[in-house]
């Protein structure tokens, strides 16, 4: 029982999201996909974090963030279907 409790605590402490980072999808267009590591992670939080990262990416280029689309995918019942938040954007 103690080992199970320790395993659960380690899972909660190990982080809440995996990030792809900024991926180029064409000339001055990009995407970021964040995936939660459990059902408790909100897809809207993942999109918000991706939006913040996108804003930083564009400001480093001295350009403005232009959000093209966002998509939220909730936790699914199939294996590996963790919550996801995706943003597609351009820097103009």
Protein backbone atom coordinates (compact mmCIF):
# COMPACT_ATOMS: atom_id res chain seq x y z
CA UNK A 1 0.00 0.00 0.00
CA UNK A 2 2.86 2.38 0.82
CA UNK A 3 4.49 1.71 -2.57
CA UNK A 4 1.23 2.51 -4.32
CA UNK A 5 0.90 5.79 -2.44
CA UNK A 6 4.49 6.74 -3.31
CA UNK A 7 3.88 5.91 -6.98
CA UNK A 8 0.78 8.12 -7.06
CA UNK A 9 2.65 11.03 -5.45
CA UNK A 10 5.51 10.69 -7.95
CA UNK A 11 3.05 10.79 -10.85
CA UNK A 12 1.45 14.00 -9.55
CA UNK A 13 4.81 15.68 -8.94
CA UNK A 14 6.34 14.66 -12.27
CA UNK A 15 4.69 17.45 -14.25
CA UNK A 16 1.42 18.21 -15.94
CA UNK A 17 2.19 18.64 -19.62
CA UNK A 18 4.45 17.60 -22.46
CA UNK A 19 5.19 20.31 -25.02
CA UNK A 20 6.32 20.07 -28.62
CA UNK A 21 7.75 23.57 -28.62
CA UNK A 22 7.33 25.81 -31.65
CA UNK A 23 7.04 23.85 -34.91
CA UNK A 24 7.24 25.63 -38.26
CA UNK A 25 4.32 24.76 -40.56
CA UNK A 26 5.17 27.08 -43.42
CA UNK A 27 6.44 30.57 -44.12
CA UNK A 28 5.95 32.57 -40.89
CA UNK A 29 3.35 30.08 -39.60
CA UNK A 30 3.78 27.78 -36.64
CA UNK A 31 2.05 25.42 -34.24
CA UNK A 32 2.48 24.32 -30.65
CA UNK A 33 0.87 21.18 -29.22
CA UNK A 34 0.75 20.63 -25.47
CA UNK A 35 -0.42 17.34 -24.00
CA UNK A 36 -1.44 16.84 -20.39
CA UNK A 37 -0.10 13.80 -18.55
CA UNK A 38 -3.38 12.96 -16.84
CA UNK A 39 -7.13 13.47 -16.84
CA UNK A 40 -6.89 16.32 -14.33
CA UNK A 41 -5.18 18.70 -16.79
CA UNK A 42 -7.52 21.21 -18.44
CA UNK A 43 -7.21 21.55 -22.23
CA UNK A 44 -7.87 25.30 -21.90
CA UNK A 45 -4.85 25.60 -19.62
CA UNK A 46 -2.75 23.80 -22.23
CA UNK A 47 -3.95 26.25 -24.92
CA UNK A 48 -3.21 29.20 -22.62
CA UNK A 49 0.33 27.95 -22.02
CA UNK A 50 0.84 27.42 -25.75
CA UNK A 51 -0.46 30.94 -26.44
CA UNK A 52 2.02 32.40 -23.95
CA UNK A 53 4.86 30.46 -25.61
CA UNK A 54 3.69 31.62 -29.06
CA UNK A 55 3.63 35.24 -27.89
CA UNK A 56 7.19 34.92 -26.60
CA UNK A 57 8.29 33.37 -29.89
CA UNK A 58 6.84 36.23 -31.93
CA UNK A 59 8.11 38.96 -29.61
CA UNK A 60 11.63 37.51 -29.89
CA UNK A 61 11.31 38.15 -33.63
CA UNK A 62 9.98 41.65 -32.90
CA UNK A 63 6.65 40.69 -34.50
CA UNK A 64 3.04 40.48 -33.34
CA UNK A 65 1.26 37.22 -32.57
CA UNK A 66 -1.61 36.39 -34.94
CA UNK A 67 -3.61 33.38 -33.73
CA UNK A 68 -4.93 31.39 -36.68
CA UNK A 69 -6.73 28.65 -34.72
CA UNK A 70 -6.87 26.82 -31.42
CA UNK A 71 -8.11 23.37 -30.60
CA UNK A 72 -8.85 21.68 -27.28
CA UNK A 73 -9.14 17.91 -26.95
CA UNK A 74 -10.39 16.57 -23.61
CA UNK A 75 -9.29 13.40 -21.86
CA UNK A 76 -10.46 10.30 -23.73
CA UNK A 77 -11.19 6.79 -22.62
CA UNK A 78 -8.77 5.11 -25.01
CA UNK A 79 -5.14 4.52 -23.93
CA UNK A 80 -2.90 7.54 -24.46
CA UNK A 81 -5.82 9.92 -25.06
CA UNK A 82 -4.66 12.59 -22.66
CA UNK A 83 -5.97 16.18 -22.82
CA UNK A 84 -4.38 18.30 -25.54
CA UNK A 85 -4.27 21.96 -26.44
CA UNK A 86 -3.07 23.12 -29.84
CA UNK A 87 -2.48 26.57 -31.26
CA UNK A 88 -1.66 27.52 -34.85
CA UNK A 89 -0.29 31.00 -35.30
CA UNK A 90 1.70 33.40 -37.42
CA UNK A 91 4.15 36.14 -36.52
CA UNK A 92 3.43 39.36 -38.42
